[in-house]
Amino acid sequence: MHAISRRSLLGGLALLAASPSLAAVPAETRSVDASEGRVAFNHFASGRTGKRPAVLVLHGSRGFDLRPRAYERYANALTADGIDAYFVRYYTPADEQAFETMHTHVIREAYETGRFDVWAARVSSVVTAVLAGADSSGRIGLLGFSLGGYVAAAAAARDERVAALAVLYGGMPDKVVPEVKHLPPMIELHGEADRNVPLAKGEELVGLGKSVGAAAEIVRYPGKAHGFDFADNDPMTADAVGRVAGFFQARLNVA
């Protein structure tokens, strides 16, 4: 098991303490043409001048608006490291309408399985837009949570412009696994008591990455359930934020 280091925990706590209000404010909201209509994204710019790397953040099944503070922790940590963050709203209006009528996990899961291709393509459209920006360093990563972790993994497998992948309690869609020939360096964070997405799915993703030659690691959190890092006062929230920020700082801030 990957140890939860004191350095990682203290680094995460420092990041949280540096932004006590967690009031990250997007510099702008943009949208670009994509499969099945335009896709919107919010840009959180770092204070660094010149060309900067970027991370696209992909929400879980309930979107960014249910727990905005939890996602903003990551935006704050990334921008503090000189990395721009983009919150990608990869759902289409039809997706949002469909989810409102789904009342069982089985129905929702079947719907999601049929949408991974479209969602991954929509994320790649945002990758294109961000990399084309005058302030882009040409280095871009994906950070996905739960369902967004599956979307991020699928997009990273298909888009070699993605230089780094971080997944929290997600995996690779089963239908995509047979086609995977490439993955970027990755880190997977997963609670051992996760009942929504079993730990085995995270382990399978990391194993898949290693099988195609990617540097890949998993961090297991004993006793932690799905979405453990959304808790405001859990020390493991700080650990997760610190690890993710450190991973992208190492992988994207490359001259």
C-alpha atoms as a PDB file:
ATOM      1  CA  MET A   1       0.000   0.000   0.000  1.00  0.00           C
ATOM      2  CA  HIS A   2       1.292   3.455  -0.878  1.00  0.00           C
ATOM      3  CA  ALA A   3       1.987   5.168   2.435  1.00  0.00           C
ATOM      4  CA  ILE A   4       0.291   8.442   3.307  1.00  0.00           C
ATOM      5  CA  SER A   5       3.364  10.529   4.008  1.00  0.00           C
ATOM      6  CA  ARG A   6       3.691  13.256   6.604  1.00  0.00           C
ATOM      7  CA  ARG A   7       5.176  15.511   3.905  1.00  0.00           C
ATOM      8  CA  SER A   8       2.135  15.071   1.663  1.00  0.00           C
ATOM      9  CA  LEU A   9      -0.277  15.670   4.528  1.00  0.00           C
ATOM     10  CA  LEU A  10       1.509  18.782   5.770  1.00  0.00           C
ATOM     11  CA  GLY A  11       1.743  20.118   2.235  1.00  0.00           C
ATOM     12  CA  GLY A  12      -1.983  19.645   1.743  1.00  0.00           C
ATOM     13  CA  LEU A  13      -2.791  21.314   5.041  1.00  0.00           C
ATOM     14  CA  ALA A  14      -0.623  24.281   4.047  1.00  0.00           C
ATOM     15  CA  LEU A  15      -2.498  24.611   0.782  1.00  0.00           C
ATOM     16  CA  LEU A  16      -5.848  24.601   2.567  1.00  0.00           C
ATOM     17  CA  ALA A  17      -4.658  27.079   5.176  1.00  0.00           C
ATOM     18  CA  ALA A  18      -3.413  29.432   2.474  1.00  0.00           C
ATOM     19  CA  SER A  19      -6.957  29.729   1.115  1.00  0.00           C
ATOM     20  CA  PRO A  20      -9.234  29.590   4.163  1.00  0.00           C
ATOM     21  CA  SER A  21     -12.246  31.018   2.361  1.00  0.00           C
ATOM     22  CA  LEU A  22     -11.888  28.553  -0.532  1.00  0.00           C
ATOM     23  CA  ALA A  23     -13.330  31.338  -2.653  1.00  0.00           C
ATOM     24  CA  ALA A  24     -11.679  30.577  -5.979  1.00  0.00           C
ATOM     25  CA  VAL A  25     -13.240  32.800  -8.617  1.00  0.00           C
ATOM     26  CA  PRO A  26     -13.129  31.851 -12.289  1.00  0.00           C
ATOM     27  CA  ALA A  27     -11.566  34.533 -14.472  1.00  0.00           C
ATOM     28  CA  GLU A  28     -13.959  33.733 -17.277  1.00  0.00           C
ATOM     29  CA  THR A  29     -16.536  31.304 -18.568  1.00  0.00           C
ATOM     30  CA  ARG A  30     -16.114  30.117 -22.130  1.00  0.00           C
ATOM     31  CA  SER A  31     -17.593  27.530 -24.457  1.00  0.00           C
ATOM     32  CA  VAL A  32     -16.393  25.796 -27.594  1.00  0.00           C
ATOM     33  CA  ASP A  33     -17.957  23.738 -30.349  1.00  0.00           C
ATOM     34  CA  ALA A  34     -17.952  20.025 -29.585  1.00  0.00           C
ATOM     35  CA  SER A  35     -19.772  16.806 -30.302  1.00  0.00           C
ATOM     36  CA  GLU A  36     -23.526  17.300 -29.681  1.00  0.00           C
ATOM     37  CA  GLY A  37     -23.263  21.044 -29.152  1.00  0.00           C
ATOM     38  CA  ARG A  38     -21.095  23.506 -27.305  1.00  0.00           C
ATOM     39  CA  VAL A  39     -19.332  22.608 -24.065  1.00  0.00           C
ATOM     40  CA  ALA A  40     -18.835  25.233 -21.361  1.00  0.00           C
ATOM     41  CA  PHE A  41     -15.842  25.570 -19.058  1.00  0.00           C
ATOM     42  CA  ASN A  42     -14.777  27.915 -16.263  1.00  0.00           C
ATOM     43  CA  HIS A  43     -11.207  29.186 -16.220  1.00  0.00           C
ATOM     44  CA  PHE A  44      -9.368  29.678 -12.922  1.00  0.00           C
ATOM     45  CA  ALA A  45      -6.135  31.477 -13.795  1.00  0.00           C
ATOM     46  CA  SER A  46      -2.977  31.271 -11.723  1.00  0.00           C
ATOM     47  CA  GLY A  47      -1.045  34.400 -10.826  1.00  0.00           C
ATOM     48  CA  ARG A  48       1.928  33.347 -12.906  1.00  0.00           C
ATOM     49  CA  THR A  49       2.646  35.452 -15.982  1.00  0.00           C
ATOM     50  CA  GLY A  50       3.677  34.008 -19.317  1.00  0.00           C
ATOM     51  CA  LYS A  51       2.887  30.573 -20.662  1.00  0.00           C
ATOM     52  CA  ARG A  52       1.400  28.146 -18.139  1.00  0.00           C
ATOM     53  CA  PRO A  53       0.356  24.486 -17.957  1.00  0.00           C
ATOM     54  CA  ALA A  54      -3.295  23.650 -17.375  1.00  0.00           C
ATOM     55  CA  VAL A  55      -5.467  20.991 -15.756  1.00  0.00           C
ATOM     56  CA  LEU A  56      -9.006  20.235 -16.901  1.00  0.00           C
ATOM     57  CA  VAL A  57     -11.185  19.235 -13.937  1.00  0.00           C
ATOM     58  CA  LEU A  58     -14.046  16.811 -14.663  1.00  0.00           C
ATOM     59  CA  HIS A  59     -16.920  16.641 -12.188  1.00  0.00           C
ATOM     60  CA  GLY A  60     -18.667  13.640 -10.717  1.00  0.00           C
ATOM     61  CA  SER A  61     -22.169  12.576 -11.719  1.00  0.00           C
ATOM     62  CA  ARG A  62     -23.871  15.461  -9.903  1.00  0.00           C
ATOM     63  CA  GLY A  63     -21.814  18.243 -11.464  1.00  0.00           C
ATOM     64  CA  PHE A  64     -19.801  21.034  -9.905  1.00  0.00           C
ATOM     65  CA  ASP A  65     -22.671  22.929  -8.334  1.00  0.00           C
ATOM     66  CA  LEU A  66     -23.622  20.442  -5.616  1.00  0.00           C
ATOM     67  CA  ARG A  67     -20.280  20.709  -3.754  1.00  0.00           C
ATOM     68  CA  PRO A  68     -18.393  23.644  -5.305  1.00  0.00           C
ATOM     69  CA  ARG A  69     -16.102  24.148  -2.282  1.00  0.00           C
ATOM     70  CA  ALA A  70     -14.678  20.645  -2.688  1.00  0.00           C
ATOM     71  CA  TYR A  71     -13.687  21.233  -6.304  1.00  0.00           C
ATOM     72  CA  GLU A  72     -12.421  24.736  -5.532  1.00  0.00           C
ATOM     73  CA  ARG A  73      -9.856  23.280  -3.132  1.00  0.00           C
ATOM     74  CA  TYR A  74      -8.182  21.670  -6.096  1.00  0.00           C
ATOM     75  CA  ALA A  75      -8.417  24.824  -8.205  1.00  0.00           C
ATOM     76  CA  ASN A  76      -6.784  26.810  -5.407  1.00  0.00           C
ATOM     77  CA  ALA A  77      -3.985  24.272  -5.014  1.00  0.00           C
ATOM     78  CA  LEU A  78      -3.310  24.102  -8.741  1.00  0.00           C
ATOM     79  CA  THR A  79      -3.288  27.858  -9.280  1.00  0.00           C
ATOM     80  CA  ALA A  80      -0.993  28.273  -6.265  1.00  0.00           C
ATOM     81  CA  ASP A  81       1.477  26.082  -8.166  1.00  0.00           C
ATOM     82  CA  GLY A  82       1.226  28.221 -11.305  1.00  0.00           C
ATOM     83  CA  ILE A  83      -1.142  25.849 -13.098  1.00  0.00           C
ATOM     84  CA  ASP A  84      -4.387  27.129 -14.607  1.00  0.00           C
ATOM     85  CA  ALA A  85      -7.519  25.098 -13.796  1.00  0.00           C
ATOM     86  CA  TYR A  86     -10.523  24.648 -16.044  1.00  0.00           C
ATOM     87  CA  PHE A  87     -13.822  23.223 -14.780  1.00  0.00           C
ATOM     88  CA  VAL A  88     -15.274  21.381 -17.775  1.00  0.00           C
ATOM     89  CA  ARG A  89     -19.045  20.937 -17.865  1.00  0.00           C
ATOM     90  CA  TYR A  90     -19.013  17.972 -20.211  1.00  0.00           C
ATOM     91  CA  TYR A  91     -22.726  17.123 -19.924  1.00  0.00           C
ATOM     92  CA  THR A  92     -25.012  18.194 -22.750  1.00  0.00           C
ATOM     93  CA  PRO A  93     -28.415  19.719 -21.929  1.00  0.00           C
ATOM     94  CA  ALA A  94     -29.914  16.389 -22.983  1.00  0.00           C
ATOM     95  CA  ASP A  95     -27.707  14.581 -20.446  1.00  0.00           C
ATOM     96  CA  GLU A  96     -28.835  16.880 -17.648  1.00  0.00           C
ATOM     97  CA  GLN A  97     -32.471  16.372 -18.595  1.00  0.00           C
ATOM     98  CA  ALA A  98     -32.047  12.597 -18.814  1.00  0.00           C
ATOM     99  CA  PHE A  99     -30.416  12.370 -15.378  1.00  0.00           C
ATOM    100  CA  GLU A 100     -33.386  14.143 -13.814  1.00  0.00           C
ATOM    101  CA  THR A 101     -35.625  11.221 -14.759  1.00  0.00           C
ATOM    102  CA  MET A 102     -33.340   8.402 -13.614  1.00  0.00           C
ATOM    103  CA  HIS A 103     -34.139   6.957 -10.219  1.00  0.00           C
ATOM    104  CA  THR A 104     -32.057   3.774 -10.060  1.00  0.00           C
ATOM    105  CA  HIS A 105     -28.334   3.129 -10.170  1.00  0.00           C
ATOM    106  CA  VAL A 106     -28.778   0.435 -12.837  1.00  0.00           C
ATOM    107  CA  ILE A 107     -30.544   2.784 -15.245  1.00  0.00           C
ATOM    108  CA  ARG A 108     -28.041   5.555 -14.658  1.00  0.00           C
ATOM    109  CA  GLU A 109     -25.061   3.247 -15.121  1.00  0.00           C
ATOM    110  CA  ALA A 110     -26.457   1.926 -18.415  1.00  0.00           C
ATOM    111  CA  TYR A 111     -26.935   5.478 -19.657  1.00  0.00           C
ATOM    112  CA  GLU A 112     -23.416   6.499 -18.667  1.00  0.00           C
ATOM    113  CA  THR A 113     -21.928   3.499 -20.465  1.00  0.00           C
ATOM    114  CA  GLY A 114     -23.444   4.722 -23.702  1.00  0.00           C
ATOM    115  CA  ARG A 115     -22.147   8.267 -23.247  1.00  0.00           C
ATOM    116  CA  PHE A 116     -18.434   7.838 -22.537  1.00  0.00           C
ATOM    117  CA  ASP A 117     -17.433   8.250 -26.184  1.00  0.00           C
ATOM    118  CA  VAL A 118     -19.282  11.550 -26.529  1.00  0.00           C
ATOM    119  CA  TRP A 119     -18.085  12.916 -23.186  1.00  0.00           C
ATOM    120  CA  ALA A 120     -14.459  12.016 -23.922  1.00  0.00           C
ATOM    121  CA  ALA A 121     -14.719  13.731 -27.310  1.00  0.00           C
ATOM    122  CA  ARG A 122     -16.188  16.840 -25.682  1.00  0.00           C
ATOM    123  CA  VAL A 123     -13.280  16.953 -23.232  1.00  0.00           C
ATOM    124  CA  SER A 124     -10.825  16.714 -26.128  1.00  0.00           C
ATOM    125  CA  SER A 125     -12.517  19.709 -27.746  1.00  0.00           C
ATOM    126  CA  VAL A 126     -11.699  21.711 -24.623  1.00  0.00           C
ATOM    127  CA  VAL A 127      -8.125  20.380 -24.705  1.00  0.00           C
ATOM    128  CA  THR A 128      -7.836  21.805 -28.215  1.00  0.00           C
ATOM    129  CA  ALA A 129      -9.181  25.184 -27.135  1.00  0.00           C
ATOM    130  CA  VAL A 130      -6.940  25.476 -24.079  1.00  0.00           C
ATOM    131  CA  LEU A 131      -3.781  24.429 -25.920  1.00  0.00           C
ATOM    132  CA  ALA A 132      -4.527  27.014 -28.602  1.00  0.00           C
ATOM    133  CA  GLY A 133      -4.541  29.829 -26.026  1.00  0.00           C
ATOM    134  CA  ALA A 134      -1.738  32.383 -26.080  1.00  0.00           C
ATOM    135  CA  ASP A 135      -0.901  31.612 -22.416  1.00  0.00           C
ATOM    136  CA  SER A 136      -0.636  27.820 -22.873  1.00  0.00           C
ATOM    137  CA  SER A 137       2.708  26.139 -22.282  1.00  0.00           C
ATOM    138  CA  GLY A 138       1.541  23.162 -24.291  1.00  0.00           C
ATOM    139  CA  ARG A 139       1.320  20.952 -21.187  1.00  0.00           C
ATOM    140  CA  ILE A 140      -2.111  19.803 -20.073  1.00  0.00           C
ATOM    141  CA  GLY A 141      -3.477  17.310 -17.566  1.00  0.00           C
ATOM    142  CA  LEU A 142      -6.853  15.822 -16.667  1.00  0.00           C
ATOM    143  CA  LEU A 143      -8.256  15.509 -13.135  1.00  0.00           C
ATOM    144  CA  GLY A 144     -11.440  13.471 -12.806  1.00  0.00           C
ATOM    145  CA  PHE A 145     -13.685  12.565  -9.876  1.00  0.00           C
ATOM    146  CA  SER A 146     -15.817   9.408  -9.853  1.00  0.00           C
ATOM    147  CA  LEU A 147     -17.742   9.462 -13.170  1.00  0.00           C
ATOM    148  CA  GLY A 148     -15.438  12.275 -14.260  1.00  0.00           C
ATOM    149  CA  GLY A 149     -12.511   9.976 -13.481  1.00  0.00           C
ATOM    150  CA  TYR A 150     -13.845   7.452 -15.981  1.00  0.00           C
ATOM    151  CA  VAL A 151     -14.324  10.208 -18.565  1.00  0.00           C
ATOM    152  CA  ALA A 152     -10.821  11.553 -17.904  1.00  0.00           C
ATOM    153  CA  ALA A 153      -9.287   8.084 -18.277  1.00  0.00           C
ATOM    154  CA  ALA A 154     -11.115   7.465 -21.564  1.00  0.00           C
ATOM    155  CA  ALA A 155     -10.121  10.878 -22.919  1.00  0.00           C
ATOM    156  CA  ALA A 156      -6.472  10.425 -21.886  1.00  0.00           C
ATOM    157  CA  ALA A 157      -6.316   7.029 -23.571  1.00  0.00           C
ATOM    158  CA  ARG A 158      -7.514   8.533 -26.846  1.00  0.00           C
ATOM    159  CA  ASP A 159      -5.786  11.913 -26.790  1.00  0.00           C
ATOM    160  CA  GLU A 160      -1.996  11.797 -26.644  1.00  0.00           C
ATOM    161  CA  ARG A 161      -1.841  15.538 -25.995  1.00  0.00           C
ATOM    162  CA  VAL A 162      -2.801  14.797 -22.377  1.00  0.00           C
ATOM    163  CA  ALA A 163       0.469  14.763 -20.436  1.00  0.00           C
ATOM    164  CA  ALA A 164      -0.790  13.674 -16.996  1.00  0.00           C
ATOM    165  CA  LEU A 165      -3.875  12.029 -15.490  1.00  0.00           C
ATOM    166  CA  ALA A 166      -5.177  12.072 -11.913  1.00  0.00           C
ATOM    167  CA  VAL A 167      -8.257  10.051 -11.016  1.00  0.00           C
ATOM    168  CA  LEU A 168     -10.092  10.021  -7.720  1.00  0.00           C
ATOM    169  CA  TYR A 169     -12.197   6.915  -7.069  1.00  0.00           C
ATOM    170  CA  GLY A 170     -12.745   6.182 -10.761  1.00  0.00           C
ATOM    171  CA  GLY A 171     -11.548   3.749 -13.394  1.00  0.00           C
ATOM    172  CA  MET A 172     -11.489   3.040 -17.112  1.00  0.00           C
ATOM    173  CA  PRO A 173     -14.823   2.347 -18.859  1.00  0.00           C
ATOM    174  CA  ASP A 174     -15.015  -1.382 -19.641  1.00  0.00           C
ATOM    175  CA  LYS A 175     -15.827  -0.721 -23.300  1.00  0.00           C
ATOM    176  CA  VAL A 176     -12.657   1.364 -23.697  1.00  0.00           C
ATOM    177  CA  VAL A 177     -10.219  -1.079 -22.049  1.00  0.00           C
ATOM    178  CA  PRO A 178      -9.633  -3.302 -25.134  1.00  0.00           C
ATOM    179  CA  GLU A 179      -8.597  -0.339 -27.296  1.00  0.00           C
ATOM    180  CA  VAL A 180      -6.115   1.228 -24.868  1.00  0.00           C
ATOM    181  CA  LYS A 181      -2.610   1.424 -26.340  1.00  0.00           C
ATOM    182  CA  HIS A 182      -1.408   4.549 -24.510  1.00  0.00           C
ATOM    183  CA  LEU A 183      -1.891   6.350 -21.224  1.00  0.00           C
ATOM    184  CA  PRO A 184       0.036   9.270 -19.716  1.00  0.00           C
ATOM    185  CA  PRO A 185       1.678   9.223 -16.288  1.00  0.00           C
ATOM    186  CA  MET A 186      -1.105   8.842 -13.729  1.00  0.00           C
ATOM    187  CA  ILE A 187      -2.061   8.757 -10.101  1.00  0.00           C
ATOM    188  CA  GLU A 188      -5.224   7.163  -8.694  1.00  0.00           C
ATOM    189  CA  LEU A 189      -6.566   7.972  -5.206  1.00  0.00           C
ATOM    190  CA  HIS A 190      -9.158   5.603  -3.770  1.00  0.00           C
ATOM    191  CA  GLY A 191     -10.829   4.875  -0.452  1.00  0.00           C
ATOM    192  CA  GLU A 192     -10.614   1.230   0.565  1.00  0.00           C
ATOM    193  CA  ALA A 193     -14.215   1.319   1.851  1.00  0.00           C
ATOM    194  CA  ASP A 194     -15.664   2.755  -1.374  1.00  0.00           C
ATOM    195  CA  ARG A 195     -18.993   1.087  -2.155  1.00  0.00           C
ATOM    196  CA  ASN A 196     -19.849   3.213  -5.187  1.00  0.00           C
ATOM    197  CA  VAL A 197     -16.722   2.500  -7.234  1.00  0.00           C
ATOM    198  CA  PRO A 198     -14.870  -0.504  -5.791  1.00  0.00           C
ATOM    199  CA  LEU A 199     -11.167  -0.125  -5.085  1.00  0.00           C
ATOM    200  CA  ALA A 200     -10.587  -2.874  -7.659  1.00  0.00           C
ATOM    201  CA  LYS A 201     -11.592  -0.466 -10.440  1.00  0.00           C
ATOM    202  CA  GLY A 202      -8.864   1.941  -9.435  1.00  0.00           C
ATOM    203  CA  GLU A 203      -6.365  -0.892  -9.204  1.00  0.00           C
ATOM    204  CA  GLU A 204      -7.376  -2.095 -12.669  1.00  0.00           C
ATOM    205  CA  LEU A 205      -6.818   1.386 -14.117  1.00  0.00           C
ATOM    206  CA  VAL A 206      -3.334   1.592 -12.638  1.00  0.00           C
ATOM    207  CA  GLY A 207      -2.555  -1.918 -13.860  1.00  0.00           C
ATOM    208  CA  LEU A 208      -3.754  -0.967 -17.329  1.00  0.00           C
ATOM    209  CA  GLY A 209      -1.516   2.090 -17.308  1.00  0.00           C
ATOM    210  CA  LYS A 210       1.503   0.030 -16.350  1.00  0.00           C
ATOM    211  CA  SER A 211       0.689  -2.537 -19.044  1.00  0.00           C
ATOM    212  CA  VAL A 212       1.058   0.130 -21.754  1.00  0.00           C
ATOM    213  CA  GLY A 213       4.234   1.573 -20.272  1.00  0.00           C
ATOM    214  CA  ALA A 214       2.852   4.485 -18.257  1.00  0.00           C
ATOM    215  CA  ALA A 215       4.216   5.530 -14.880  1.00  0.00           C
ATOM    216  CA  ALA A 216       1.231   4.783 -12.641  1.00  0.00           C
ATOM    217  CA  GLU A 217       0.608   4.656  -8.892  1.00  0.00           C
ATOM    218  CA  ILE A 218      -2.355   4.155  -6.603  1.00  0.00           C
ATOM    219  CA  VAL A 219      -2.829   5.660  -3.153  1.00  0.00           C
ATOM    220  CA  ARG A 220      -5.232   3.700  -0.956  1.00  0.00           C
ATOM    221  CA  TYR A 221      -7.018   5.367   1.948  1.00  0.00           C
ATOM    222  CA  PRO A 222      -7.929   2.795   4.648  1.00  0.00           C
ATOM    223  CA  GLY A 223     -11.495   3.051   5.897  1.00  0.00           C
ATOM    224  CA  LYS A 224     -12.424   5.859   3.508  1.00  0.00           C
ATOM    225  CA  ALA A 225     -15.601   5.829   1.421  1.00  0.00           C
ATOM    226  CA  HIS A 226     -16.483   7.325  -1.941  1.00  0.00           C
ATOM    227  CA  GLY A 227     -15.867  11.065  -2.117  1.00  0.00           C
ATOM    228  CA  PHE A 228     -13.829  11.083   1.090  1.00  0.00           C
ATOM    229  CA  ASP A 229     -11.942  14.204  -0.011  1.00  0.00           C
ATOM    230  CA  PHE A 230     -15.137  16.277  -0.060  1.00  0.00           C
ATOM    231  CA  ALA A 231     -15.147  16.387   3.750  1.00  0.00           C
ATOM    232  CA  ASP A 232     -14.133  19.843   4.986  1.00  0.00           C
ATOM    233  CA  ASN A 233     -12.327  18.774   8.180  1.00  0.00           C
ATOM    234  CA  ASP A 234     -10.837  15.361   7.369  1.00  0.00           C
ATOM    235  CA  PRO A 235      -7.004  15.362   7.319  1.00  0.00           C
ATOM    236  CA  MET A 236      -7.162  12.989   4.361  1.00  0.00           C
ATOM    237  CA  THR A 237      -8.808  15.745   2.337  1.00  0.00           C
ATOM    238  CA  ALA A 238      -5.639  17.776   2.746  1.00  0.00           C
ATOM    239  CA  ASP A 239      -3.546  14.748   1.869  1.00  0.00           C
ATOM    240  CA  ALA A 240      -5.484  14.151  -1.355  1.00  0.00           C
ATOM    241  CA  VAL A 241      -5.313  17.798  -2.424  1.00  0.00           C
ATOM    242  CA  GLY A 242      -1.595  17.923  -1.683  1.00  0.00           C
ATOM    243  CA  ARG A 243      -0.879  14.749  -3.610  1.00  0.00           C
ATOM    244  CA  VAL A 244      -2.829  15.820  -6.667  1.00  0.00           C
ATOM    245  CA  ALA A 245      -1.267  19.280  -6.747  1.00  0.00           C
ATOM    246  CA  GLY A 246       2.202  17.818  -6.281  1.00  0.00           C
ATOM    247  CA  PHE A 247       1.658  15.265  -9.024  1.00  0.00           C
ATOM    248  CA  PHE A 248       0.647  17.874 -11.583  1.00  0.00           C
ATOM    249  CA  GLN A 249       3.390  20.258 -10.489  1.00  0.00           C
ATOM    250  CA  ALA A 250       5.959  17.544 -11.150  1.00  0.00           C
ATOM    251  CA  ARG A 251       4.457  16.339 -14.430  1.00  0.00           C
ATOM    252  CA  LEU A 252       3.371  19.595 -16.052  1.00  0.00           C
ATOM    253  CA  ASN A 253       5.887  22.214 -14.922  1.00  0.00           C
ATOM    254  CA  VAL A 254       8.523  20.807 -17.243  1.00  0.00           C
ATOM    255  CA  ALA A 255      10.758  23.172 -19.213  1.00  0.00           C
END
